[in-house]
Full PDB file with SEQRES, HELIX, SHEET, SSBOND, CRYST1, ORIGX, SCALE, CONECT and MASTER records, all heavy atoms in Angstrom:
SEQRES   1 A   35  ARG VAL ALA PHE PHE PRO ILE VAL ASP LYS LEU VAL THR          
SEQRES   2 A   35  LEU ILE HIS ALA GLN GLN ASP ARG VAL ARG ALA ARG PHE          
SEQRES   3 A   35  PRO ALA GLY CYS GLU LEU LEU PHE PRO                          
HELIX    1 AA1 ASP A    9  ARG A   25  1                                  17    
CRYST1    1.000    1.000    1.000  90.00  90.00  90.00 P 1           1          
ORIGX1      1.000000  0.000000  0.000000        0.00000                         
ORIGX2      0.000000  1.000000  0.000000        0.00000                         
ORIGX3      0.000000  0.000000  1.000000        0.00000                         
SCALE1      1.000000  0.000000  0.000000        0.00000                         
SCALE2      0.000000  1.000000  0.000000        0.00000                         
SCALE3      0.000000  0.000000  1.000000        0.00000                         
ATOM      1  N   ARG A   1     -97.582 -27.097 -39.240  1.00  0.00           N  
ATOM      2  CA  ARG A   1     -97.177 -28.427 -39.680  1.00  0.00           C  
ATOM      3  C   ARG A   1     -97.785 -29.488 -38.776  1.00  0.00           C  
ATOM      4  O   ARG A   1     -97.745 -29.375 -37.556  1.00  0.00           O  
ATOM      5  CB  ARG A   1     -95.652 -28.536 -39.668  1.00  0.00           C  
ATOM      6  CG  ARG A   1     -95.108 -29.882 -40.129  1.00  0.00           C  
ATOM      7  CD  ARG A   1     -93.585 -29.852 -40.185  1.00  0.00           C  
ATOM      8  NE  ARG A   1     -93.004 -29.523 -38.893  1.00  0.00           N  
ATOM      9  CZ  ARG A   1     -92.734 -30.436 -37.953  1.00  0.00           C  
ATOM     10  NH1 ARG A   1     -93.008 -31.713 -38.169  1.00  0.00           N  
ATOM     11  NH2 ARG A   1     -92.191 -30.071 -36.807  1.00  0.00           N  
ATOM     12  N   VAL A   2     -98.339 -30.549 -39.371  1.00  0.00           N  
ATOM     13  CA  VAL A   2     -98.932 -31.642 -38.619  1.00  0.00           C  
ATOM     14  C   VAL A   2     -97.844 -32.641 -38.236  1.00  0.00           C  
ATOM     15  O   VAL A   2     -97.004 -33.008 -39.067  1.00  0.00           O  
ATOM     16  CB  VAL A   2    -100.037 -32.337 -39.437  1.00  0.00           C  
ATOM     17  CG1 VAL A   2    -100.637 -33.499 -38.658  1.00  0.00           C  
ATOM     18  CG2 VAL A   2    -101.117 -31.338 -39.815  1.00  0.00           C  
ATOM     19  N   ALA A   3     -97.845 -33.059 -36.988  1.00  0.00           N  
ATOM     20  CA  ALA A   3     -96.837 -33.993 -36.494  1.00  0.00           C  
ATOM     21  C   ALA A   3     -97.522 -35.090 -35.685  1.00  0.00           C  
ATOM     22  O   ALA A   3     -98.679 -34.950 -35.273  1.00  0.00           O  
ATOM     23  CB  ALA A   3     -95.794 -33.269 -35.645  1.00  0.00           C  
ATOM     24  N   PHE A   4     -96.783 -36.185 -35.475  1.00  0.00           N  
ATOM     25  CA  PHE A   4     -97.319 -37.342 -34.750  1.00  0.00           C  
ATOM     26  C   PHE A   4     -96.299 -37.774 -33.704  1.00  0.00           C  
ATOM     27  O   PHE A   4     -95.084 -37.680 -33.912  1.00  0.00           O  
ATOM     28  CB  PHE A   4     -97.598 -38.505 -35.712  1.00  0.00           C  
ATOM     29  CG  PHE A   4     -98.659 -38.198 -36.737  1.00  0.00           C  
ATOM     30  CD1 PHE A   4     -98.339 -37.476 -37.885  1.00  0.00           C  
ATOM     31  CD2 PHE A   4     -99.952 -38.615 -36.561  1.00  0.00           C  
ATOM     32  CE1 PHE A   4     -99.299 -37.190 -38.833  1.00  0.00           C  
ATOM     33  CE2 PHE A   4    -100.922 -38.336 -37.500  1.00  0.00           C  
ATOM     34  CZ  PHE A   4    -100.598 -37.621 -38.638  1.00  0.00           C  
ATOM     35  N   PHE A   5     -96.815 -38.265 -32.567  1.00  0.00           N  
ATOM     36  CA  PHE A   5     -95.935 -38.714 -31.488  1.00  0.00           C  
ATOM     37  C   PHE A   5     -96.533 -39.972 -30.885  1.00  0.00           C  
ATOM     38  O   PHE A   5     -97.730 -40.003 -30.564  1.00  0.00           O  
ATOM     39  CB  PHE A   5     -95.792 -37.634 -30.420  1.00  0.00           C  
ATOM     40  CG  PHE A   5     -94.600 -37.819 -29.528  1.00  0.00           C  
ATOM     41  CD1 PHE A   5     -93.392 -37.203 -29.816  1.00  0.00           C  
ATOM     42  CD2 PHE A   5     -94.676 -38.641 -28.404  1.00  0.00           C  
ATOM     43  CE1 PHE A   5     -92.291 -37.376 -29.008  1.00  0.00           C  
ATOM     44  CE2 PHE A   5     -93.577 -38.822 -27.589  1.00  0.00           C  
ATOM     45  CZ  PHE A   5     -92.378 -38.187 -27.885  1.00  0.00           C  
ATOM     46  N   PRO A   6     -95.744 -41.034 -30.701  1.00  0.00           N  
ATOM     47  CA  PRO A   6     -96.282 -42.261 -30.102  1.00  0.00           C  
ATOM     48  C   PRO A   6     -96.636 -42.047 -28.634  1.00  0.00           C  
ATOM     49  O   PRO A   6     -95.914 -41.363 -27.893  1.00  0.00           O  
ATOM     50  CB  PRO A   6     -95.146 -43.265 -30.270  1.00  0.00           C  
ATOM     51  CG  PRO A   6     -93.908 -42.430 -30.396  1.00  0.00           C  
ATOM     52  CD  PRO A   6     -94.331 -41.169 -31.082  1.00  0.00           C  
ATOM     53  N   ILE A   7     -97.738 -42.629 -28.198  1.00  0.00           N  
ATOM     54  CA  ILE A   7     -98.194 -42.497 -26.814  1.00  0.00           C  
ATOM     55  C   ILE A   7     -98.566 -43.869 -26.280  1.00  0.00           C  
ATOM     56  O   ILE A   7     -98.768 -44.821 -27.042  1.00  0.00           O  
ATOM     57  CB  ILE A   7     -99.398 -41.534 -26.702  1.00  0.00           C  
ATOM     58  CG1 ILE A   7    -100.531 -41.963 -27.640  1.00  0.00           C  
ATOM     59  CG2 ILE A   7     -98.976 -40.107 -26.995  1.00  0.00           C  
ATOM     60  CD1 ILE A   7    -101.764 -41.084 -27.542  1.00  0.00           C  
ATOM     61  N   VAL A   8     -98.691 -43.962 -24.963  1.00  0.00           N  
ATOM     62  CA  VAL A   8     -99.007 -45.227 -24.311  1.00  0.00           C  
ATOM     63  C   VAL A   8    -100.522 -45.362 -24.176  1.00  0.00           C  
ATOM     64  O   VAL A   8    -101.267 -44.378 -24.295  1.00  0.00           O  
ATOM     65  CB  VAL A   8     -98.329 -45.311 -22.932  1.00  0.00           C  
ATOM     66  CG1 VAL A   8     -96.818 -45.281 -23.082  1.00  0.00           C  
ATOM     67  CG2 VAL A   8     -98.786 -44.158 -22.031  1.00  0.00           C  
ATOM     68  N   ASP A   9    -100.981 -46.562 -23.886  1.00  0.00           N  
ATOM     69  CA  ASP A   9    -102.415 -46.823 -23.800  1.00  0.00           C  
ATOM     70  C   ASP A   9    -103.065 -46.075 -22.640  1.00  0.00           C  
ATOM     71  O   ASP A   9    -104.244 -45.704 -22.719  1.00  0.00           O  
ATOM     72  CB  ASP A   9    -102.661 -48.324 -23.658  1.00  0.00           C  
ATOM     73  CG  ASP A   9    -102.305 -49.089 -24.920  1.00  0.00           C  
ATOM     74  OD1 ASP A   9    -102.350 -48.467 -26.003  1.00  0.00           O  
ATOM     75  OD2 ASP A   9    -101.982 -50.289 -24.836  1.00  0.00           O  
ATOM     76  N   LYS A  10    -102.316 -45.867 -21.543  1.00  0.00           N  
ATOM     77  CA  LYS A  10    -102.888 -45.139 -20.413  1.00  0.00           C  
ATOM     78  C   LYS A  10    -103.279 -43.725 -20.814  1.00  0.00           C  
ATOM     79  O   LYS A  10    -104.353 -43.222 -20.437  1.00  0.00           O  
ATOM     80  CB  LYS A  10    -101.893 -45.106 -19.261  1.00  0.00           C  
ATOM     81  CG  LYS A  10    -102.402 -44.360 -18.032  1.00  0.00           C  
ATOM     82  CD  LYS A  10    -101.364 -44.349 -16.928  1.00  0.00           C  
ATOM     83  CE  LYS A  10    -101.885 -43.573 -15.720  1.00  0.00           C  
ATOM     84  NZ  LYS A  10    -100.891 -43.553 -14.612  1.00  0.00           N  
ATOM     85  N   LEU A  11    -102.432 -43.067 -21.601  1.00  0.00           N  
ATOM     86  CA  LEU A  11    -102.747 -41.715 -22.057  1.00  0.00           C  
ATOM     87  C   LEU A  11    -103.920 -41.731 -23.026  1.00  0.00           C  
ATOM     88  O   LEU A  11    -104.750 -40.817 -23.031  1.00  0.00           O  
ATOM     89  CB  LEU A  11    -101.513 -41.085 -22.707  1.00  0.00           C  
ATOM     90  CG  LEU A  11    -101.577 -39.580 -22.996  1.00  0.00           C  
ATOM     91  CD1 LEU A  11    -101.846 -38.809 -21.713  1.00  0.00           C  
ATOM     92  CD2 LEU A  11    -100.283 -39.097 -23.632  1.00  0.00           C  
ATOM     93  N   VAL A  12    -104.030 -42.774 -23.841  1.00  0.00           N  
ATOM     94  CA  VAL A  12    -105.174 -42.899 -24.755  1.00  0.00           C  
ATOM     95  C   VAL A  12    -106.465 -42.994 -23.959  1.00  0.00           C  
ATOM     96  O   VAL A  12    -107.485 -42.375 -24.297  1.00  0.00           O  
ATOM     97  CB  VAL A  12    -104.994 -44.125 -25.670  1.00  0.00           C  
ATOM     98  CG1 VAL A  12    -106.247 -44.348 -26.508  1.00  0.00           C  
ATOM     99  CG2 VAL A  12    -103.790 -43.942 -26.577  1.00  0.00           C  
ATOM    100  N   THR A  13    -106.456 -43.759 -22.871  1.00  0.00           N  
ATOM    101  CA  THR A  13    -107.652 -43.893 -22.037  1.00  0.00           C  
ATOM    102  C   THR A  13    -108.064 -42.552 -21.435  1.00  0.00           C  
ATOM    103  O   THR A  13    -109.253 -42.202 -21.404  1.00  0.00           O  
ATOM    104  CB  THR A  13    -107.384 -44.907 -20.921  1.00  0.00           C  
ATOM    105  OG1 THR A  13    -107.003 -46.174 -21.498  1.00  0.00           O  
ATOM    106  CG2 THR A  13    -108.627 -45.104 -20.059  1.00  0.00           C  
ATOM    107  N   LEU A  14    -107.094 -41.781 -20.970  1.00  0.00           N  
ATOM    108  CA  LEU A  14    -107.404 -40.467 -20.403  1.00  0.00           C  
ATOM    109  C   LEU A  14    -107.944 -39.514 -21.472  1.00  0.00           C  
ATOM    110  O   LEU A  14    -108.841 -38.706 -21.193  1.00  0.00           O  
ATOM    111  CB  LEU A  14    -106.152 -39.878 -19.757  1.00  0.00           C  
ATOM    112  CG  LEU A  14    -105.607 -40.634 -18.532  1.00  0.00           C  
ATOM    113  CD1 LEU A  14    -104.300 -40.001 -18.064  1.00  0.00           C  
ATOM    114  CD2 LEU A  14    -106.627 -40.647 -17.406  1.00  0.00           C  
ATOM    115  N   ILE A  15    -107.416 -39.597 -22.688  1.00  0.00           N  
ATOM    116  CA  ILE A  15    -107.920 -38.741 -23.771  1.00  0.00           C  
ATOM    117  C   ILE A  15    -109.354 -39.118 -24.126  1.00  0.00           C  
ATOM    118  O   ILE A  15    -110.211 -38.242 -24.354  1.00  0.00           O  
ATOM    119  CB  ILE A  15    -106.993 -38.843 -25.002  1.00  0.00           C  
ATOM    120  CG1 ILE A  15    -105.642 -38.200 -24.701  1.00  0.00           C  
ATOM    121  CG2 ILE A  15    -107.631 -38.187 -26.224  1.00  0.00           C  
ATOM    122  CD1 ILE A  15    -104.624 -38.343 -25.813  1.00  0.00           C  
ATOM    123  N   HIS A  16    -109.663 -40.409 -24.158  1.00  0.00           N  
ATOM    124  CA  HIS A  16    -111.039 -40.836 -24.440  1.00  0.00           C  
ATOM    125  C   HIS A  16    -111.996 -40.352 -23.346  1.00  0.00           C  
ATOM    126  O   HIS A  16    -113.142 -39.983 -23.633  1.00  0.00           O  
ATOM    127  CB  HIS A  16    -111.088 -42.359 -24.562  1.00  0.00           C  
ATOM    128  CG  HIS A  16    -110.484 -42.864 -25.831  1.00  0.00           C  
ATOM    129  ND1 HIS A  16    -110.202 -44.196 -26.062  1.00  0.00           N  
ATOM    130  CD2 HIS A  16    -110.106 -42.215 -26.965  1.00  0.00           C  
ATOM    131  CE1 HIS A  16    -109.683 -44.343 -27.268  1.00  0.00           C  
ATOM    132  NE2 HIS A  16    -109.610 -43.146 -27.837  1.00  0.00           N  
ATOM    133  N   ALA A  17    -111.545 -40.349 -22.103  1.00  0.00           N  
ATOM    134  CA  ALA A  17    -112.386 -39.835 -21.020  1.00  0.00           C  
ATOM    135  C   ALA A  17    -112.656 -38.343 -21.205  1.00  0.00           C  
ATOM    136  O   ALA A  17    -113.768 -37.858 -20.954  1.00  0.00           O  
ATOM    137  CB  ALA A  17    -111.720 -40.096 -19.672  1.00  0.00           C  
ATOM    138  N   GLN A  18    -111.638 -37.585 -21.630  1.00  0.00           N  
ATOM    139  CA  GLN A  18    -111.838 -36.165 -21.905  1.00  0.00           C  
ATOM    140  C   GLN A  18    -112.795 -35.965 -23.070  1.00  0.00           C  
ATOM    141  O   GLN A  18    -113.637 -35.054 -23.050  1.00  0.00           O  
ATOM    142  CB  GLN A  18    -110.487 -35.504 -22.202  1.00  0.00           C  
ATOM    143  CG  GLN A  18    -110.573 -34.057 -22.687  1.00  0.00           C  
ATOM    144  CD  GLN A  18    -111.140 -33.122 -21.640  1.00  0.00           C  
ATOM    145  OE1 GLN A  18    -111.217 -33.453 -20.459  1.00  0.00           O  
ATOM    146  NE2 GLN A  18    -111.555 -31.937 -22.075  1.00  0.00           N  
ATOM    147  N   GLN A  19    -112.720 -36.803 -24.098  1.00  0.00           N  
ATOM    148  CA  GLN A  19    -113.659 -36.713 -25.211  1.00  0.00           C  
ATOM    149  C   GLN A  19    -115.091 -36.941 -24.750  1.00  0.00           C  
ATOM    150  O   GLN A  19    -116.022 -36.271 -25.221  1.00  0.00           O  
ATOM    151  CB  GLN A  19    -113.270 -37.720 -26.297  1.00  0.00           C  
ATOM    152  CG  GLN A  19    -111.985 -37.375 -27.041  1.00  0.00           C  
ATOM    153  CD  GLN A  19    -111.558 -38.466 -28.005  1.00  0.00           C  
ATOM    154  OE1 GLN A  19    -111.917 -39.641 -27.826  1.00  0.00           O  
ATOM    155  NE2 GLN A  19    -110.779 -38.104 -29.007  1.00  0.00           N  
ATOM    156  N   ASP A  20    -115.285 -37.870 -23.821  1.00  0.00           N  
ATOM    157  CA  ASP A  20    -116.632 -38.110 -23.292  1.00  0.00           C  
ATOM    158  C   ASP A  20    -117.144 -36.876 -22.549  1.00  0.00           C  
ATOM    159  O   ASP A  20    -118.336 -36.529 -22.657  1.00  0.00           O  
ATOM    160  CB  ASP A  20    -116.622 -39.322 -22.361  1.00  0.00           C  
ATOM    161  CG  ASP A  20    -116.344 -40.625 -23.100  1.00  0.00           C  
ATOM    162  OD1 ASP A  20    -116.580 -40.660 -24.327  1.00  0.00           O  
ATOM    163  OD2 ASP A  20    -115.891 -41.595 -22.455  1.00  0.00           O  
ATOM    164  N   ARG A  21    -116.269 -36.204 -21.809  1.00  0.00           N  
ATOM    165  CA  ARG A  21    -116.694 -34.989 -21.100  1.00  0.00           C  
ATOM    166  C   ARG A  21    -117.060 -33.879 -22.075  1.00  0.00           C  
ATOM    167  O   ARG A  21    -118.019 -33.130 -21.853  1.00  0.00           O  
ATOM    168  CB  ARG A  21    -115.584 -34.520 -20.151  1.00  0.00           C  
ATOM    169  CG  ARG A  21    -115.372 -35.414 -18.942  1.00  0.00           C  
ATOM    170  CD  ARG A  21    -114.441 -34.764 -17.921  1.00  0.00           C  
ATOM    171  NE  ARG A  21    -113.075 -34.689 -18.408  1.00  0.00           N  
ATOM    172  CZ  ARG A  21    -112.151 -35.622 -18.186  1.00  0.00           C  
ATOM    173  NH1 ARG A  21    -112.468 -36.709 -17.492  1.00  0.00           N  
ATOM    174  NH2 ARG A  21    -110.925 -35.475 -18.639  1.00  0.00           N  
ATOM    175  N   VAL A  22    -116.313 -33.755 -23.163  1.00  0.00           N  
ATOM    176  CA  VAL A  22    -116.622 -32.734 -24.159  1.00  0.00           C  
ATOM    177  C   VAL A  22    -117.941 -33.052 -24.858  1.00  0.00           C  
ATOM    178  O   VAL A  22    -118.755 -32.159 -25.123  1.00  0.00           O  
ATOM    179  CB  VAL A  22    -115.467 -32.614 -25.175  1.00  0.00           C  
ATOM    180  CG1 VAL A  22    -115.829 -31.647 -26.301  1.00  0.00           C  
ATOM    181  CG2 VAL A  22    -114.192 -32.146 -24.494  1.00  0.00           C  
ATOM    182  N   ARG A  23    -118.191 -34.323 -25.175  1.00  0.00           N  
ATOM    183  CA  ARG A  23    -119.469 -34.695 -25.809  1.00  0.00           C  
ATOM    184  C   ARG A  23    -120.651 -34.386 -24.903  1.00  0.00           C  
ATOM    185  O   ARG A  23    -121.708 -33.944 -25.365  1.00  0.00           O  
ATOM    186  CB  ARG A  23    -119.460 -36.183 -26.154  1.00  0.00           C  
ATOM    187  CG  ARG A  23    -118.524 -36.575 -27.295  1.00  0.00           C  
ATOM    188  CD  ARG A  23    -118.809 -37.991 -27.746  1.00  0.00           C  
ATOM    189  NE  ARG A  23    -117.816 -38.484 -28.693  1.00  0.00           N  
ATOM    190  CZ  ARG A  23    -116.783 -39.234 -28.350  1.00  0.00           C  
ATOM    191  NH1 ARG A  23    -116.609 -39.593 -27.070  1.00  0.00           N  
ATOM    192  NH2 ARG A  23    -115.908 -39.636 -29.259  1.00  0.00           N  
ATOM    193  N   ALA A  24    -120.483 -34.623 -23.606  1.00  0.00           N  
ATOM    194  CA  ALA A  24    -121.567 -34.319 -22.679  1.00  0.00           C  
ATOM    195  C   ALA A  24    -121.820 -32.817 -22.593  1.00  0.00           C  
ATOM    196  O   ALA A  24    -122.961 -32.386 -22.415  1.00  0.00           O  
ATOM    197  CB  ALA A  24    -121.233 -34.874 -21.293  1.00  0.00           C  
ATOM    198  N   ARG A  25    -120.768 -32.036 -22.725  1.00  0.00           N  
ATOM    199  CA  ARG A  25    -120.917 -30.583 -22.648  1.00  0.00           C  
ATOM    200  C   ARG A  25    -121.441 -29.990 -23.940  1.00  0.00           C  
ATOM    201  O   ARG A  25    -122.237 -29.044 -23.924  1.00  0.00           O  
ATOM    202  CB  ARG A  25    -119.551 -29.982 -22.303  1.00  0.00           C  
ATOM    203  CG  ARG A  25    -119.542 -28.479 -22.167  1.00  0.00           C  
ATOM    204  CD  ARG A  25    -118.167 -28.007 -21.754  1.00  0.00           C  
ATOM    205  NE  ARG A  25    -118.036 -26.571 -21.902  1.00  0.00           N  
ATOM    206  CZ  ARG A  25    -116.892 -25.922 -21.772  1.00  0.00           C  
ATOM    207  NH1 ARG A  25    -115.790 -26.580 -21.457  1.00  0.00           N  
ATOM    208  NH2 ARG A  25    -116.846 -24.612 -21.927  1.00  0.00           N  
ATOM    209  N   PHE A  26    -120.997 -30.526 -25.090  1.00  0.00           N  
ATOM    210  CA  PHE A  26    -121.424 -30.027 -26.395  1.00  0.00           C  
ATOM    211  C   PHE A  26    -121.993 -31.197 -27.199  1.00  0.00           C  
ATOM    212  O   PHE A  26    -121.266 -31.825 -27.981  1.00  0.00           O  
ATOM    213  CB  PHE A  26    -120.259 -29.393 -27.162  1.00  0.00           C  
ATOM    214  CG  PHE A  26    -119.621 -28.236 -26.462  1.00  0.00           C  
ATOM    215  CD1 PHE A  26    -118.273 -28.256 -26.113  1.00  0.00           C  
ATOM    216  CD2 PHE A  26    -120.367 -27.119 -26.132  1.00  0.00           C  
ATOM    217  CE1 PHE A  26    -117.689 -27.196 -25.463  1.00  0.00           C  
ATOM    218  CE2 PHE A  26    -119.791 -26.045 -25.478  1.00  0.00           C  
ATOM    219  CZ  PHE A  26    -118.458 -26.078 -25.146  1.00  0.00           C  
ATOM    220  N   PRO A  27    -123.270 -31.534 -27.007  1.00  0.00           N  
ATOM    221  CA  PRO A  27    -123.853 -32.666 -27.757  1.00  0.00           C  
ATOM    222  C   PRO A  27    -123.782 -32.472 -29.262  1.00  0.00           C  
ATOM    223  O   PRO A  27    -123.722 -33.459 -30.006  1.00  0.00           O  
ATOM    224  CB  PRO A  27    -125.304 -32.694 -27.257  1.00  0.00           C  
ATOM    225  CG  PRO A  27    -125.282 -31.989 -25.947  1.00  0.00           C  
ATOM    226  CD  PRO A  27    -124.223 -30.936 -26.068  1.00  0.00           C  
ATOM    227  N   ALA A  28    -123.790 -31.220 -29.742  1.00  0.00           N  
ATOM    228  CA  ALA A  28    -123.732 -30.966 -31.183  1.00  0.00           C  
ATOM    229  C   ALA A  28    -122.323 -31.103 -31.741  1.00  0.00           C  
ATOM    230  O   ALA A  28    -122.138 -31.071 -32.952  1.00  0.00           O  
ATOM    231  CB  ALA A  28    -124.275 -29.568 -31.505  1.00  0.00           C  
ATOM    232  N   GLY A  29    -121.340 -31.272 -30.874  1.00  0.00           N  
ATOM    233  CA  GLY A  29    -119.969 -31.436 -31.347  1.00  0.00           C  
ATOM    234  C   GLY A  29    -119.106 -30.228 -31.047  1.00  0.00           C  
ATOM    235  O   GLY A  29    -119.592 -29.118 -30.872  1.00  0.00           O  
ATOM    236  N   CYS A  30    -117.795 -30.459 -30.965  1.00  0.00           N  
ATOM    237  CA  CYS A  30    -116.829 -29.389 -30.710  1.00  0.00           C  
ATOM    238  C   CYS A  30    -115.536 -29.729 -31.428  1.00  0.00           C  
ATOM    239  O   CYS A  30    -115.171 -30.903 -31.548  1.00  0.00           O  
ATOM    240  CB  CYS A  30    -116.591 -29.236 -29.207  1.00  0.00           C  
ATOM    241  SG  CYS A  30    -115.489 -27.872 -28.775  1.00  0.00           S  
ATOM    242  N   GLU A  31    -114.841 -28.722 -31.918  1.00  0.00           N  
ATOM    243  CA  GLU A  31    -113.626 -28.941 -32.682  1.00  0.00           C  
ATOM    244  C   GLU A  31    -112.431 -29.301 -31.808  1.00  0.00           C  
ATOM    245  O   GLU A  31    -111.521 -29.974 -32.264  1.00  0.00           O  
ATOM    246  CB  GLU A  31    -113.281 -27.684 -33.493  1.00  0.00           C  
ATOM    247  CG  GLU A  31    -114.306 -27.333 -34.555  1.00  0.00           C  
ATOM    248  CD  GLU A  31    -113.896 -26.089 -35.323  1.00  0.00           C  
ATOM    249  OE1 GLU A  31    -112.855 -25.505 -34.963  1.00  0.00           O  
ATOM    250  OE2 GLU A  31    -114.595 -25.714 -36.261  1.00  0.00           O  
ATOM    251  N   LEU A  32    -112.411 -28.847 -30.562  1.00  0.00           N  
ATOM    252  CA  LEU A  32    -111.222 -28.943 -29.732  1.00  0.00           C  
ATOM    253  C   LEU A  32    -111.381 -29.983 -28.632  1.00  0.00           C  
ATOM    254  O   LEU A  32    -112.486 -30.218 -28.130  1.00  0.00           O  
ATOM    255  CB  LEU A  32    -110.897 -27.592 -29.113  1.00  0.00           C  
ATOM    256  CG  LEU A  32    -110.643 -26.443 -30.095  1.00  0.00           C  
ATOM    257  CD1 LEU A  32    -110.343 -25.168 -29.335  1.00  0.00           C  
ATOM    258  CD2 LEU A  32    -109.507 -26.776 -31.034  1.00  0.00           C  
ATOM    259  N   LEU A  33    -110.258 -30.562 -28.242  1.00  0.00           N  
ATOM    260  CA  LEU A  33    -110.264 -31.503 -27.131  1.00  0.00           C  
ATOM    261  C   LEU A  33    -110.367 -30.775 -25.804  1.00  0.00           C  
ATOM    262  O   LEU A  33    -110.924 -31.304 -24.838  1.00  0.00           O  
ATOM    263  CB  LEU A  33    -108.985 -32.352 -27.175  1.00  0.00           C  
ATOM    264  CG  LEU A  33    -108.842 -33.434 -26.102  1.00  0.00           C  
ATOM    265  CD1 LEU A  33    -109.931 -34.500 -26.262  1.00  0.00           C  
ATOM    266  CD2 LEU A  33    -107.459 -34.071 -26.156  1.00  0.00           C  
ATOM    267  N   PHE A  34    -109.849 -29.557 -25.735  1.00  0.00           N  
ATOM    268  CA  PHE A  34    -109.890 -28.761 -24.509  1.00  0.00           C  
ATOM    269  C   PHE A  34    -110.589 -27.434 -24.807  1.00  0.00           C  
ATOM    270  O   PHE A  34    -109.926 -26.401 -24.984  1.00  0.00           O  
ATOM    271  CB  PHE A  34    -108.476 -28.509 -23.971  1.00  0.00           C  
ATOM    272  CG  PHE A  34    -107.698 -29.754 -23.683  1.00  0.00           C  
ATOM    273  CD1 PHE A  34    -106.613 -30.119 -24.466  1.00  0.00           C  
ATOM    274  CD2 PHE A  34    -108.058 -30.581 -22.631  1.00  0.00           C  
ATOM    275  CE1 PHE A  34    -105.896 -31.263 -24.207  1.00  0.00           C  
ATOM    276  CE2 PHE A  34    -107.347 -31.735 -22.364  1.00  0.00           C  
ATOM    277  CZ  PHE A  34    -106.276 -32.086 -23.151  1.00  0.00           C  
ATOM    278  N   PRO A  35    -111.922 -27.424 -24.896  1.00  0.00           N  
ATOM    279  CA  PRO A  35    -112.625 -26.166 -25.197  1.00  0.00           C  
ATOM    280  C   PRO A  35    -112.531 -25.202 -24.035  1.00  0.00           C  
ATOM    281  O   PRO A  35    -112.391 -25.594 -22.874  1.00  0.00           O  
ATOM    282  CB  PRO A  35    -114.070 -26.622 -25.435  1.00  0.00           C  
ATOM    283  CG  PRO A  35    -114.189 -27.897 -24.659  1.00  0.00           C  
ATOM    284  CD  PRO A  35    -112.846 -28.551 -24.722  1.00  0.00           C  
TER     285      PRO A  35                                                      
MASTER        0    0    0    1    0    0    0    6  284    1    0    3          
END                                                                             
């Protein structure tokens, strides 16, 4: 089941930083935030 939870902007910034690290590691793309 898909669910949603409100988060603060600080956590959003940290998630975007993790996405940048994943893009650098897998330029072709990756399905997961924590590969």
